């Protein structure tokens, strides 16, 4: 069976985070994620900082439960799904991807990890010394999307294998 393939911007909404500018930023200080906080499949929250956000910026730069957070630089494409109920915010080095009904965020995270591991994602990077995954390149990525129920079965199978690997290592 052949799965449909669509551009990411046809399946999800994405947004680059807010620029940190201590002289220009105003509003209420709120916790935000930086590139360093995003790991493959998880978040390192031991060093979360705050920056001011105004009321009209909250929706645009917020990360909700189920959103995928993707690194723009550092290790472009590195990503994790936000699973916490409490909202979080993002800084400019991160993309927030909010999947539509035809795309499961964890499936997309594994797809990005596959593209990164195979070297195919690097073809989308810009920059010679410091590579970036710009929003326009992220939005244009072709993403296979079987029915969401199949995406969930694929994710469950991958996670079962990872659990077995973890147990073997332990």
N, C-alpha and C. Protein backbone atom coordinates (compact mmCIF):
# COMPACT_ATOMS: atom_id res chain seq x y z
N UNK A 1 0.84 -1.18 0.00
CA UNK A 1 0.00 0.00 0.00
C UNK A 1 0.88 1.25 0.00
N UNK A 2 0.57 2.18 -0.83
CA UNK A 2 1.34 3.42 -0.91
C UNK A 2 0.65 4.50 -0.07
N UNK A 3 1.43 5.13 0.78
CA UNK A 3 0.89 6.17 1.64
C UNK A 3 0.89 7.51 0.91
N UNK A 4 -0.09 8.36 1.22
CA UNK A 4 -0.04 9.71 0.65
C UNK A 4 1.14 10.48 1.25
N UNK A 5 1.67 11.40 0.47
CA UNK A 5 2.77 12.27 0.91
C UNK A 5 2.33 13.70 0.67
N UNK A 6 2.49 14.53 1.70
CA UNK A 6 2.12 15.95 1.60
C UNK A 6 3.23 16.80 2.21
N UNK A 7 3.24 18.04 1.81
CA UNK A 7 4.16 19.00 2.45
C UNK A 7 3.72 19.17 3.91
N UNK A 8 4.69 19.41 4.77
CA UNK A 8 4.38 19.58 6.18
C UNK A 8 3.39 20.72 6.40
N UNK A 9 3.53 21.82 5.64
CA UNK A 9 2.63 22.95 5.86
C UNK A 9 1.19 22.66 5.43
N UNK A 10 0.95 21.52 4.78
CA UNK A 10 -0.41 21.09 4.46
C UNK A 10 -1.00 20.24 5.59
N UNK A 11 -0.14 19.78 6.48
CA UNK A 11 -0.55 18.87 7.55
C UNK A 11 -0.45 19.49 8.94
N UNK A 12 0.27 20.61 9.04
CA UNK A 12 0.53 21.20 10.36
C UNK A 12 0.78 22.69 10.22
N UNK A 13 0.65 23.37 11.34
CA UNK A 13 0.96 24.79 11.43
C UNK A 13 2.29 24.90 12.17
N UNK A 14 3.20 25.73 11.66
CA UNK A 14 4.47 25.89 12.37
C UNK A 14 4.78 27.36 12.58
N UNK A 15 5.61 27.61 13.58
CA UNK A 15 5.96 28.98 13.95
C UNK A 15 7.35 28.97 14.57
N UNK A 16 8.17 29.93 14.19
CA UNK A 16 9.47 30.12 14.82
C UNK A 16 9.27 30.91 16.11
N UNK A 17 10.05 30.62 17.12
CA UNK A 17 9.91 31.27 18.42
C UNK A 17 10.26 32.75 18.43
N UNK A 18 10.17 33.33 19.59
CA UNK A 18 10.37 34.77 19.79
C UNK A 18 11.85 35.11 19.94
N UNK A 19 12.24 36.22 19.34
CA UNK A 19 13.61 36.72 19.44
C UNK A 19 13.83 37.27 20.85
N UNK A 20 14.92 36.84 21.46
CA UNK A 20 15.27 37.34 22.79
C UNK A 20 16.00 38.66 22.62
N UNK A 21 15.38 39.73 23.08
CA UNK A 21 15.96 41.06 22.99
C UNK A 21 15.61 41.80 24.28
N UNK A 22 16.54 41.81 25.21
CA UNK A 22 16.26 42.35 26.54
C UNK A 22 15.85 43.82 26.52
N UNK A 23 16.28 44.59 25.52
CA UNK A 23 15.91 46.00 25.46
C UNK A 23 14.52 46.22 24.88
N UNK A 24 14.09 45.35 23.97
CA UNK A 24 12.80 45.54 23.29
C UNK A 24 11.67 44.72 23.90
N UNK A 25 11.98 43.56 24.46
CA UNK A 25 10.92 42.68 24.95
C UNK A 25 10.25 43.26 26.18
N UNK A 26 8.93 43.20 26.16
CA UNK A 26 8.11 43.67 27.27
C UNK A 26 7.09 42.59 27.60
N UNK A 27 6.47 42.75 28.75
CA UNK A 27 5.43 41.81 29.14
C UNK A 27 5.77 41.08 30.43
N UNK A 28 5.05 40.02 30.65
CA UNK A 28 5.21 39.21 31.86
C UNK A 28 6.26 38.13 31.62
N UNK A 29 7.25 38.01 32.51
CA UNK A 29 8.24 36.94 32.35
C UNK A 29 7.58 35.56 32.41
N UNK A 30 7.94 34.73 31.45
CA UNK A 30 7.39 33.37 31.37
C UNK A 30 8.52 32.41 31.01
N UNK A 31 8.38 31.15 31.42
CA UNK A 31 9.42 30.17 31.07
C UNK A 31 9.43 29.91 29.57
N UNK A 32 10.62 29.72 29.03
CA UNK A 32 10.72 29.43 27.60
C UNK A 32 11.81 28.40 27.35
N UNK A 33 11.63 27.67 26.26
CA UNK A 33 12.60 26.66 25.85
C UNK A 33 13.61 27.27 24.90
N UNK A 34 14.85 26.83 25.08
CA UNK A 34 15.93 27.18 24.17
C UNK A 34 16.35 25.90 23.45
N UNK A 35 17.16 26.06 22.44
CA UNK A 35 17.67 24.94 21.67
C UNK A 35 18.27 23.87 22.59
N UNK A 36 19.01 24.31 23.59
CA UNK A 36 19.71 23.39 24.49
C UNK A 36 18.75 22.54 25.31
N UNK A 37 17.49 22.98 25.46
CA UNK A 37 16.52 22.23 26.25
C UNK A 37 15.89 21.07 25.48
N UNK A 38 16.04 21.07 24.15
CA UNK A 38 15.40 20.05 23.32
C UNK A 38 16.38 18.94 23.00
N UNK A 39 16.02 17.72 23.32
CA UNK A 39 16.80 16.52 23.04
C UNK A 39 15.99 15.67 22.09
N UNK A 40 16.58 14.65 21.50
CA UNK A 40 15.79 13.74 20.67
C UNK A 40 14.79 13.02 21.55
N UNK A 41 13.52 13.33 21.38
CA UNK A 41 12.45 12.63 22.08
C UNK A 41 12.15 13.09 23.49
N UNK A 42 12.87 14.08 24.00
CA UNK A 42 12.64 14.52 25.38
C UNK A 42 13.13 15.96 25.56
N UNK A 43 12.88 16.48 26.74
CA UNK A 43 13.31 17.84 27.08
C UNK A 43 14.18 17.80 28.33
N UNK A 44 15.19 18.63 28.36
CA UNK A 44 16.01 18.83 29.55
C UNK A 44 15.54 20.15 30.16
N UNK A 45 14.82 20.07 31.27
CA UNK A 45 14.20 21.25 31.85
C UNK A 45 14.91 21.74 33.11
N UNK A 46 16.14 21.29 33.34
CA UNK A 46 16.82 21.70 34.56
C UNK A 46 17.29 23.16 34.50
N UNK A 47 17.35 23.76 33.32
CA UNK A 47 17.85 25.13 33.19
C UNK A 47 16.91 25.98 32.32
N UNK A 48 15.63 25.97 32.64
CA UNK A 48 14.67 26.77 31.89
C UNK A 48 14.75 28.21 32.38
N UNK A 49 14.84 29.12 31.44
CA UNK A 49 14.93 30.54 31.78
C UNK A 49 13.61 31.23 31.48
N UNK A 50 13.54 32.52 31.78
CA UNK A 50 12.33 33.29 31.51
C UNK A 50 12.64 34.47 30.62
N UNK A 51 11.64 34.86 29.84
CA UNK A 51 11.70 36.09 29.07
C UNK A 51 10.30 36.68 29.05
N UNK A 52 10.21 38.01 28.85
CA UNK A 52 8.89 38.64 28.85
C UNK A 52 8.11 38.36 27.57
N UNK A 53 6.83 38.09 27.76
CA UNK A 53 5.89 37.92 26.64
C UNK A 53 4.70 38.83 26.90
N UNK A 54 4.26 39.52 25.87
CA UNK A 54 3.06 40.35 25.98
C UNK A 54 1.84 39.48 25.69
N UNK A 55 0.68 39.94 26.11
CA UNK A 55 -0.55 39.16 25.98
C UNK A 55 -0.81 38.75 24.53
N UNK A 56 -0.53 39.63 23.58
CA UNK A 56 -0.81 39.30 22.17
C UNK A 56 0.21 38.33 21.57
N UNK A 57 1.25 37.96 22.32
CA UNK A 57 2.26 37.02 21.84
C UNK A 57 2.06 35.60 22.40
N UNK A 58 1.20 35.47 23.38
CA UNK A 58 1.08 34.20 24.10
C UNK A 58 0.68 33.05 23.19
N UNK A 59 -0.33 33.23 22.38
CA UNK A 59 -0.79 32.14 21.51
C UNK A 59 0.27 31.79 20.48
N UNK A 60 0.87 32.79 19.86
CA UNK A 60 1.84 32.55 18.79
C UNK A 60 3.07 31.77 19.27
N UNK A 61 3.59 32.11 20.43
CA UNK A 61 4.84 31.51 20.90
C UNK A 61 4.66 30.43 21.95
N UNK A 62 3.42 30.01 22.18
CA UNK A 62 3.19 28.98 23.19
C UNK A 62 3.34 27.59 22.59
N UNK A 63 3.69 26.67 23.47
CA UNK A 63 3.76 25.26 23.13
C UNK A 63 2.73 24.57 24.03
N UNK A 64 1.81 23.88 23.39
CA UNK A 64 0.76 23.15 24.12
C UNK A 64 1.07 21.66 24.12
N UNK A 65 0.40 20.96 25.00
CA UNK A 65 0.52 19.51 25.06
C UNK A 65 0.21 18.95 23.67
N UNK A 66 1.14 18.12 23.15
CA UNK A 66 0.97 17.52 21.84
C UNK A 66 1.69 18.25 20.72
N UNK A 67 2.23 19.44 20.99
CA UNK A 67 3.00 20.16 19.97
C UNK A 67 4.39 19.56 19.86
N UNK A 68 4.94 19.60 18.66
CA UNK A 68 6.30 19.16 18.42
C UNK A 68 7.20 20.39 18.42
N UNK A 69 8.30 20.32 19.14
CA UNK A 69 9.29 21.41 19.19
C UNK A 69 10.52 20.93 18.43
N UNK A 70 10.92 21.71 17.42
CA UNK A 70 11.99 21.31 16.50
C UNK A 70 13.10 22.36 16.53
N UNK A 71 14.34 21.90 16.66
CA UNK A 71 15.49 22.82 16.66
C UNK A 71 15.73 23.37 15.27
N UNK A 72 15.91 24.68 15.21
CA UNK A 72 16.27 25.33 13.95
C UNK A 72 17.77 25.23 13.71
N UNK A 73 18.55 25.36 14.76
CA UNK A 73 20.01 25.31 14.65
C UNK A 73 20.58 24.35 15.67
N UNK A 74 21.90 24.40 15.83
CA UNK A 74 22.58 23.48 16.74
C UNK A 74 22.66 22.12 16.10
N UNK A 75 21.67 21.32 16.31
CA UNK A 75 21.46 20.06 15.60
C UNK A 75 20.09 20.18 14.94
N UNK A 76 20.03 20.83 13.78
CA UNK A 76 18.74 21.12 13.15
C UNK A 76 17.90 19.85 12.97
N UNK A 77 16.63 19.98 13.33
CA UNK A 77 15.71 18.87 13.20
C UNK A 77 15.51 18.09 14.49
N UNK A 78 16.45 18.23 15.45
CA UNK A 78 16.29 17.54 16.73
C UNK A 78 14.95 17.99 17.31
N UNK A 79 14.16 17.06 17.82
CA UNK A 79 12.81 17.43 18.22
C UNK A 79 12.26 16.54 19.32
N UNK A 80 11.20 17.03 19.95
CA UNK A 80 10.49 16.28 20.98
C UNK A 80 9.06 16.80 21.05
N UNK A 81 8.16 15.93 21.47
CA UNK A 81 6.76 16.30 21.64
C UNK A 81 6.55 16.78 23.07
N UNK A 82 5.94 17.95 23.22
CA UNK A 82 5.64 18.49 24.54
C UNK A 82 4.46 17.71 25.11
N UNK A 83 4.65 17.01 26.23
CA UNK A 83 3.62 16.16 26.81
C UNK A 83 3.01 16.73 28.09
N UNK A 84 3.58 17.81 28.59
CA UNK A 84 3.09 18.37 29.85
C UNK A 84 1.82 19.19 29.63
N UNK A 85 0.98 19.22 30.64
CA UNK A 85 -0.26 20.00 30.56
C UNK A 85 0.01 21.49 30.67
N UNK A 86 1.07 21.86 31.39
CA UNK A 86 1.38 23.28 31.54
C UNK A 86 1.98 23.82 30.25
N UNK A 87 1.55 25.01 29.84
CA UNK A 87 2.09 25.59 28.61
C UNK A 87 3.54 26.02 28.80
N UNK A 88 4.22 26.13 27.70
CA UNK A 88 5.61 26.57 27.66
C UNK A 88 5.72 27.52 26.48
N UNK A 89 6.81 28.24 26.41
CA UNK A 89 7.02 29.19 25.32
C UNK A 89 8.35 28.87 24.66
N UNK A 90 8.55 29.41 23.45
CA UNK A 90 9.77 29.09 22.71
C UNK A 90 10.50 30.33 22.24
N UNK A 91 11.81 30.18 22.21
CA UNK A 91 12.72 31.21 21.75
C UNK A 91 12.99 31.00 20.27
N UNK A 92 13.56 31.98 19.61
CA UNK A 92 13.72 32.00 18.16
C UNK A 92 14.46 30.81 17.57
N UNK A 93 15.27 30.12 18.28
CA UNK A 93 16.03 28.99 17.74
C UNK A 93 15.18 27.73 17.60
N UNK A 94 13.89 27.82 17.93
CA UNK A 94 13.01 26.65 17.89
C UNK A 94 11.76 26.91 17.04
N UNK A 95 11.32 25.84 16.39
CA UNK A 95 10.04 25.86 15.68
C UNK A 95 9.02 25.11 16.52
N UNK A 96 7.80 25.64 16.56
CA UNK A 96 6.69 24.92 17.17
C UNK A 96 5.85 24.38 16.01
N UNK A 97 5.62 23.07 16.00
CA UNK A 97 4.81 22.45 14.96
C UNK A 97 3.56 21.89 15.63
N UNK A 98 2.42 22.40 15.20
CA UNK A 98 1.13 21.95 15.74
C UNK A 98 0.44 21.14 14.63
N UNK A 99 0.40 19.84 14.82
CA UNK A 99 -0.12 18.93 13.80
C UNK A 99 -1.62 19.03 13.67
N UNK A 100 -2.08 18.88 12.44
CA UNK A 100 -3.50 18.81 12.15
C UNK A 100 -4.01 17.39 12.36
N UNK A 101 -5.26 17.14 11.99
CA UNK A 101 -5.89 15.85 12.30
C UNK A 101 -5.30 14.65 11.54
N UNK A 102 -4.56 14.89 10.47
CA UNK A 102 -4.01 13.79 9.67
C UNK A 102 -2.57 13.43 10.00
N UNK A 103 -2.03 14.02 11.06
CA UNK A 103 -0.63 13.77 11.39
C UNK A 103 -0.44 13.69 12.90
N UNK A 104 0.08 12.56 13.36
CA UNK A 104 0.38 12.39 14.78
C UNK A 104 1.76 12.98 15.07
N UNK A 105 1.89 13.83 16.09
CA UNK A 105 3.18 14.49 16.34
C UNK A 105 4.34 13.53 16.61
N UNK A 106 4.09 12.43 17.30
CA UNK A 106 5.18 11.48 17.58
C UNK A 106 5.63 10.79 16.30
N UNK A 107 4.69 10.50 15.40
CA UNK A 107 5.04 9.94 14.09
C UNK A 107 5.93 10.92 13.34
N UNK A 108 5.56 12.21 13.35
CA UNK A 108 6.38 13.23 12.69
C UNK A 108 7.76 13.32 13.34
N UNK A 109 7.83 13.22 14.65
CA UNK A 109 9.13 13.26 15.34
C UNK A 109 10.03 12.12 14.88
N UNK A 110 9.48 10.92 14.77
CA UNK A 110 10.28 9.79 14.29
C UNK A 110 10.64 9.95 12.82
N UNK A 111 9.77 10.55 12.03
CA UNK A 111 10.09 10.81 10.62
C UNK A 111 11.26 11.78 10.52
N UNK A 112 11.25 12.84 11.32
CA UNK A 112 12.36 13.80 11.30
C UNK A 112 13.65 13.13 11.77
N UNK A 113 13.55 12.27 12.76
CA UNK A 113 14.74 11.56 13.24
C UNK A 113 15.29 10.64 12.15
N UNK A 114 14.41 10.01 11.42
CA UNK A 114 14.83 9.17 10.28
C UNK A 114 15.54 10.02 9.23
N UNK A 115 14.94 11.17 8.89
CA UNK A 115 15.56 12.04 7.88
C UNK A 115 16.93 12.54 8.35
N UNK A 116 17.03 12.88 9.63
CA UNK A 116 18.31 13.35 10.17
C UNK A 116 19.35 12.24 10.14
N UNK A 117 18.97 11.05 10.56
CA UNK A 117 19.90 9.93 10.61
C UNK A 117 20.36 9.46 9.24
N UNK A 118 19.49 9.61 8.25
CA UNK A 118 19.83 9.16 6.89
C UNK A 118 20.58 10.23 6.10
N UNK A 119 20.70 11.44 6.65
CA UNK A 119 21.38 12.53 5.95
C UNK A 119 20.47 13.30 5.01
N UNK A 120 19.23 12.88 4.88
CA UNK A 120 18.30 13.55 3.95
C UNK A 120 17.85 14.92 4.46
N UNK A 121 17.80 15.08 5.77
CA UNK A 121 17.37 16.37 6.32
C UNK A 121 18.43 17.44 6.07
N UNK A 122 19.70 17.04 6.07
CA UNK A 122 20.80 18.00 5.88
C UNK A 122 20.70 18.74 4.55
N UNK A 123 20.05 18.15 3.58
CA UNK A 123 19.88 18.81 2.27
C UNK A 123 19.01 20.06 2.39
N UNK A 124 18.28 20.18 3.47
CA UNK A 124 17.39 21.34 3.68
C UNK A 124 18.06 22.46 4.47
N UNK A 125 19.24 22.21 5.00
CA UNK A 125 19.90 23.19 5.87
C UNK A 125 20.48 24.34 5.06
N UNK A 126 20.54 25.50 5.71
CA UNK A 126 21.24 26.65 5.16
C UNK A 126 22.40 26.97 6.08
N UNK A 127 23.36 27.74 5.58
CA UNK A 127 24.51 28.13 6.39
C UNK A 127 25.70 27.24 6.12
N UNK A 128 26.87 27.82 6.15
CA UNK A 128 28.08 27.05 5.89
C UNK A 128 28.77 26.61 7.18
N UNK A 129 28.90 27.51 8.14
CA UNK A 129 29.56 27.14 9.39
C UNK A 129 28.55 26.70 10.45
N UNK A 130 27.47 27.43 10.58
CA UNK A 130 26.41 27.06 11.51
C UNK A 130 25.17 26.77 10.67
N UNK A 131 24.76 25.52 10.70
CA UNK A 131 23.64 25.12 9.87
C UNK A 131 22.31 25.38 10.57
N UNK A 132 21.31 25.72 9.75
CA UNK A 132 19.97 26.01 10.25
C UNK A 132 18.94 25.30 9.38
N UNK A 133 17.80 25.02 9.98
CA UNK A 133 16.64 24.51 9.26
C UNK A 133 15.59 25.61 9.28
N UNK A 134 15.60 26.47 8.25
CA UNK A 134 14.64 27.59 8.23
C UNK A 134 13.20 27.10 8.14
N UNK A 135 12.29 27.94 8.60
CA UNK A 135 10.87 27.60 8.59
C UNK A 135 10.34 27.25 7.21
N UNK A 136 10.81 27.95 6.18
CA UNK A 136 10.31 27.65 4.82
C UNK A 136 10.75 26.26 4.37
N UNK A 137 11.93 25.84 4.77
CA UNK A 137 12.41 24.49 4.42
C UNK A 137 11.68 23.43 5.23
N UNK A 138 11.44 23.72 6.50
CA UNK A 138 10.69 22.79 7.34
C UNK A 138 9.28 22.63 6.78
N UNK A 139 8.63 23.73 6.44
CA UNK A 139 7.27 23.70 5.92
C UNK A 139 7.16 22.92 4.61
N UNK A 140 8.21 22.93 3.81
CA UNK A 140 8.20 22.28 2.50
C UNK A 140 8.58 20.80 2.54
N UNK A 141 8.94 20.27 3.72
CA UNK A 141 9.32 18.86 3.81
C UNK A 141 8.16 17.96 3.40
N UNK A 142 8.47 16.96 2.59
CA UNK A 142 7.48 15.96 2.25
C UNK A 142 7.37 14.96 3.39
N UNK A 143 6.13 14.73 3.82
CA UNK A 143 5.87 13.84 4.96
C UNK A 143 4.86 12.77 4.53
N UNK A 144 5.24 11.50 4.62
CA UNK A 144 4.25 10.45 4.36
C UNK A 144 3.25 10.43 5.51
N UNK A 145 2.00 10.18 5.18
CA UNK A 145 1.02 10.15 6.28
C UNK A 145 -0.07 9.10 6.01
N UNK A 146 0.25 7.89 6.49
CA UNK A 146 -0.80 6.88 6.47
C UNK A 146 -1.93 7.32 7.40
N UNK A 147 -3.02 6.59 7.46
CA UNK A 147 -4.07 6.94 8.43
C UNK A 147 -3.47 7.06 9.84
N UNK A 148 -4.03 7.95 10.64
CA UNK A 148 -3.49 8.21 11.97
C UNK A 148 -3.44 6.94 12.81
N UNK A 149 -4.41 6.05 12.66
CA UNK A 149 -4.37 4.79 13.41
C UNK A 149 -3.13 3.99 13.05
N UNK A 150 -2.74 4.00 11.77
CA UNK A 150 -1.51 3.31 11.34
C UNK A 150 -0.28 4.03 11.87
N UNK A 151 -0.30 5.35 11.88
CA UNK A 151 0.81 6.12 12.46
C UNK A 151 1.02 5.72 13.91
N UNK A 152 -0.07 5.59 14.64
CA UNK A 152 0.03 5.22 16.06
C UNK A 152 0.58 3.81 16.23
N UNK A 153 0.19 2.88 15.34
CA UNK A 153 0.72 1.52 15.41
C UNK A 153 2.23 1.52 15.12
N UNK A 154 2.65 2.33 14.16
CA UNK A 154 4.08 2.43 13.82
C UNK A 154 4.86 2.98 15.01
N UNK A 155 4.34 4.03 15.63
CA UNK A 155 5.00 4.62 16.80
C UNK A 155 5.08 3.59 17.93
N UNK A 156 4.00 2.85 18.17
CA UNK A 156 4.01 1.84 19.23
C UNK A 156 5.06 0.77 18.95
N UNK A 157 5.19 0.36 17.69
CA UNK A 157 6.19 -0.66 17.34
C UNK A 157 7.60 -0.13 17.55
N UNK A 158 7.85 1.10 17.14
CA UNK A 158 9.17 1.71 17.33
C UNK A 158 9.50 1.79 18.82
N UNK A 159 8.54 2.24 19.61
CA UNK A 159 8.79 2.40 21.04
C UNK A 159 8.96 1.06 21.75
N UNK A 160 8.30 0.02 21.27
CA UNK A 160 8.51 -1.32 21.80
C UNK A 160 9.96 -1.76 21.57
N UNK A 161 10.45 -1.52 20.36
CA UNK A 161 11.83 -1.89 20.05
C UNK A 161 12.83 -1.07 20.88
N UNK A 162 12.55 0.23 21.05
CA UNK A 162 13.43 1.04 21.89
C UNK A 162 13.43 0.54 23.33
N UNK A 163 12.28 0.13 23.84
CA UNK A 163 12.20 -0.41 25.21
C UNK A 163 13.04 -1.67 25.35
N UNK A 164 12.98 -2.52 24.32
CA UNK A 164 13.79 -3.75 24.34
C UNK A 164 15.28 -3.41 24.32
N UNK A 165 15.65 -2.44 23.51
CA UNK A 165 17.06 -2.02 23.47
C UNK A 165 17.50 -1.47 24.82
N UNK A 166 16.65 -0.62 25.42
CA UNK A 166 16.98 -0.07 26.74
C UNK A 166 17.16 -1.18 27.77
N UNK A 167 16.28 -2.18 27.73
CA UNK A 167 16.36 -3.29 28.68
C UNK A 167 17.64 -4.10 28.44
N UNK A 168 18.00 -4.29 27.18
CA UNK A 168 19.22 -5.04 26.86
C UNK A 168 20.46 -4.29 27.34
N UNK A 169 20.46 -2.97 27.18
CA UNK A 169 21.60 -2.16 27.63
C UNK A 169 21.73 -2.21 29.15
N UNK A 170 20.56 -2.12 29.83
CA UNK A 170 20.55 -2.16 31.29
C UNK A 170 21.03 -3.52 31.78
